[in-house]
């Protein structure tokens, strides 16, 4: 699951650098760091949930 999530996030970052996505808070190319922070949090939660059970 985390590998698929990582690939999805990388694709979103590349797409955002090419053409900004236009989501709230992601209007400019310089906002790509916000996707990276979201990715780190999402992967951490995925890892924690998979090792918790």
N, C-alpha and C. Protein backbone atom coordinates (compact mmCIF):
# COMPACT_ATOMS: atom_id res chain seq x y z
N UNK A 1 0.83 -1.20 0.00
CA UNK A 1 0.00 0.00 0.00
C UNK A 1 0.87 1.26 0.00
N UNK A 2 1.93 1.26 0.79
CA UNK A 2 2.74 2.47 0.88
C UNK A 2 3.50 2.73 -0.43
N UNK A 3 3.85 1.65 -1.16
CA UNK A 3 4.52 1.85 -2.45
C UNK A 3 3.57 2.49 -3.46
N UNK A 4 2.35 2.02 -3.49
CA UNK A 4 1.36 2.61 -4.39
C UNK A 4 1.09 4.06 -4.02
N UNK A 5 1.00 4.33 -2.74
CA UNK A 5 0.78 5.70 -2.27
C UNK A 5 1.97 6.58 -2.64
N UNK A 6 3.17 6.06 -2.50
CA UNK A 6 4.37 6.82 -2.86
C UNK A 6 4.38 7.17 -4.34
N UNK A 7 4.05 6.21 -5.19
CA UNK A 7 4.01 6.47 -6.63
C UNK A 7 2.94 7.49 -6.98
N UNK A 8 1.79 7.40 -6.33
CA UNK A 8 0.71 8.36 -6.58
C UNK A 8 1.14 9.78 -6.19
N UNK A 9 1.78 9.90 -5.04
CA UNK A 9 2.23 11.21 -4.57
C UNK A 9 3.31 11.78 -5.50
N UNK A 10 4.25 10.92 -5.93
CA UNK A 10 5.28 11.39 -6.86
C UNK A 10 4.66 11.87 -8.17
N UNK A 11 3.66 11.15 -8.65
CA UNK A 11 2.98 11.57 -9.87
C UNK A 11 2.27 12.91 -9.67
N UNK A 12 1.64 13.08 -8.51
CA UNK A 12 0.97 14.35 -8.22
C UNK A 12 1.97 15.50 -8.16
N UNK A 13 3.14 15.25 -7.56
CA UNK A 13 4.16 16.30 -7.47
C UNK A 13 4.69 16.68 -8.85
N UNK A 14 4.93 15.69 -9.68
CA UNK A 14 5.42 15.96 -11.03
C UNK A 14 4.37 16.73 -11.84
N UNK A 15 3.13 16.31 -11.73
CA UNK A 15 2.05 16.99 -12.44
C UNK A 15 1.89 18.42 -11.94
N UNK A 16 2.02 18.61 -10.64
CA UNK A 16 1.88 19.95 -10.06
C UNK A 16 3.00 20.87 -10.53
N UNK A 17 4.22 20.33 -10.67
CA UNK A 17 5.31 21.16 -11.17
C UNK A 17 5.10 21.55 -12.62
N UNK A 18 4.52 20.65 -13.39
CA UNK A 18 4.27 20.92 -14.80
C UNK A 18 3.11 21.89 -14.96
N UNK A 19 2.01 21.60 -14.27
CA UNK A 19 0.82 22.46 -14.32
C UNK A 19 0.14 22.39 -12.95
N UNK A 20 0.11 23.49 -12.21
CA UNK A 20 -0.47 23.47 -10.86
C UNK A 20 -1.88 22.88 -10.85
N UNK A 21 -2.16 22.09 -9.82
CA UNK A 21 -3.41 21.35 -9.73
C UNK A 21 -4.62 22.24 -9.48
N UNK A 22 -4.43 23.36 -8.78
CA UNK A 22 -5.52 24.28 -8.56
C UNK A 22 -6.38 23.97 -7.35
N UNK A 23 -5.95 22.97 -6.56
CA UNK A 23 -6.69 22.67 -5.33
C UNK A 23 -6.47 23.81 -4.34
N UNK A 24 -7.37 23.98 -3.38
CA UNK A 24 -7.14 25.03 -2.37
C UNK A 24 -5.80 24.82 -1.67
N UNK A 25 -4.97 25.83 -1.67
CA UNK A 25 -3.64 25.75 -1.08
C UNK A 25 -2.58 25.26 -2.05
N UNK A 26 -2.96 24.87 -3.25
CA UNK A 26 -2.01 24.37 -4.24
C UNK A 26 -2.17 25.13 -5.55
N UNK A 27 -2.16 26.43 -5.47
CA UNK A 27 -2.41 27.25 -6.66
C UNK A 27 -1.14 27.54 -7.46
N UNK A 28 0.03 27.48 -6.81
CA UNK A 28 1.28 27.88 -7.46
C UNK A 28 2.26 26.71 -7.48
N UNK A 29 3.23 26.77 -8.40
CA UNK A 29 4.24 25.70 -8.48
C UNK A 29 5.06 25.60 -7.20
N UNK A 30 5.27 26.73 -6.53
CA UNK A 30 6.09 26.71 -5.31
C UNK A 30 5.40 25.98 -4.15
N UNK A 31 4.12 25.63 -4.31
CA UNK A 31 3.39 24.93 -3.26
C UNK A 31 3.60 23.41 -3.30
N UNK A 32 4.54 22.95 -4.13
CA UNK A 32 4.77 21.51 -4.26
C UNK A 32 5.26 20.91 -2.94
N UNK A 33 5.89 21.70 -2.08
CA UNK A 33 6.36 21.20 -0.79
C UNK A 33 5.20 20.73 0.08
N UNK A 34 4.03 21.31 -0.10
CA UNK A 34 2.87 20.91 0.70
C UNK A 34 2.45 19.48 0.36
N UNK A 35 2.61 19.09 -0.91
CA UNK A 35 2.31 17.72 -1.30
C UNK A 35 3.31 16.78 -0.65
N UNK A 36 4.58 17.19 -0.59
CA UNK A 36 5.61 16.36 0.04
C UNK A 36 5.34 16.17 1.53
N UNK A 37 4.92 17.21 2.22
CA UNK A 37 4.60 17.09 3.64
C UNK A 37 3.40 16.17 3.83
N UNK A 38 2.38 16.32 2.99
CA UNK A 38 1.23 15.43 3.05
C UNK A 38 1.65 13.99 2.82
N UNK A 39 2.56 13.77 1.88
CA UNK A 39 3.03 12.42 1.57
C UNK A 39 3.73 11.81 2.77
N UNK A 40 4.59 12.56 3.43
CA UNK A 40 5.29 12.04 4.61
C UNK A 40 4.31 11.65 5.71
N UNK A 41 3.32 12.49 5.93
CA UNK A 41 2.31 12.18 6.96
C UNK A 41 1.49 10.97 6.56
N UNK A 42 1.07 10.90 5.31
CA UNK A 42 0.25 9.77 4.86
C UNK A 42 1.01 8.45 4.93
N UNK A 43 2.27 8.46 4.55
CA UNK A 43 3.07 7.23 4.61
C UNK A 43 3.32 6.84 6.06
N UNK A 44 3.57 7.81 6.93
CA UNK A 44 3.77 7.51 8.35
C UNK A 44 2.52 6.89 8.96
N UNK A 45 1.35 7.42 8.62
CA UNK A 45 0.10 6.87 9.14
C UNK A 45 -0.12 5.46 8.59
N UNK A 46 0.17 5.25 7.33
CA UNK A 46 0.03 3.93 6.72
C UNK A 46 0.93 2.90 7.42
N UNK A 47 2.17 3.29 7.68
CA UNK A 47 3.11 2.40 8.35
C UNK A 47 2.65 2.11 9.77
N UNK A 48 2.24 3.13 10.48
CA UNK A 48 1.78 2.95 11.86
C UNK A 48 0.56 2.03 11.92
N UNK A 49 -0.38 2.21 11.01
CA UNK A 49 -1.57 1.37 11.01
C UNK A 49 -1.25 -0.07 10.62
N UNK A 50 -0.31 -0.26 9.71
CA UNK A 50 0.02 -1.62 9.29
C UNK A 50 0.81 -2.37 10.35
N UNK A 51 1.60 -1.69 11.16
CA UNK A 51 2.38 -2.35 12.20
C UNK A 51 1.66 -2.41 13.53
N UNK A 52 0.59 -1.66 13.65
CA UNK A 52 -0.16 -1.64 14.91
C UNK A 52 -1.01 -2.89 15.07
N UNK A 53 -1.59 -3.36 13.99
CA UNK A 53 -2.53 -4.49 14.05
C UNK A 53 -1.82 -5.77 14.00
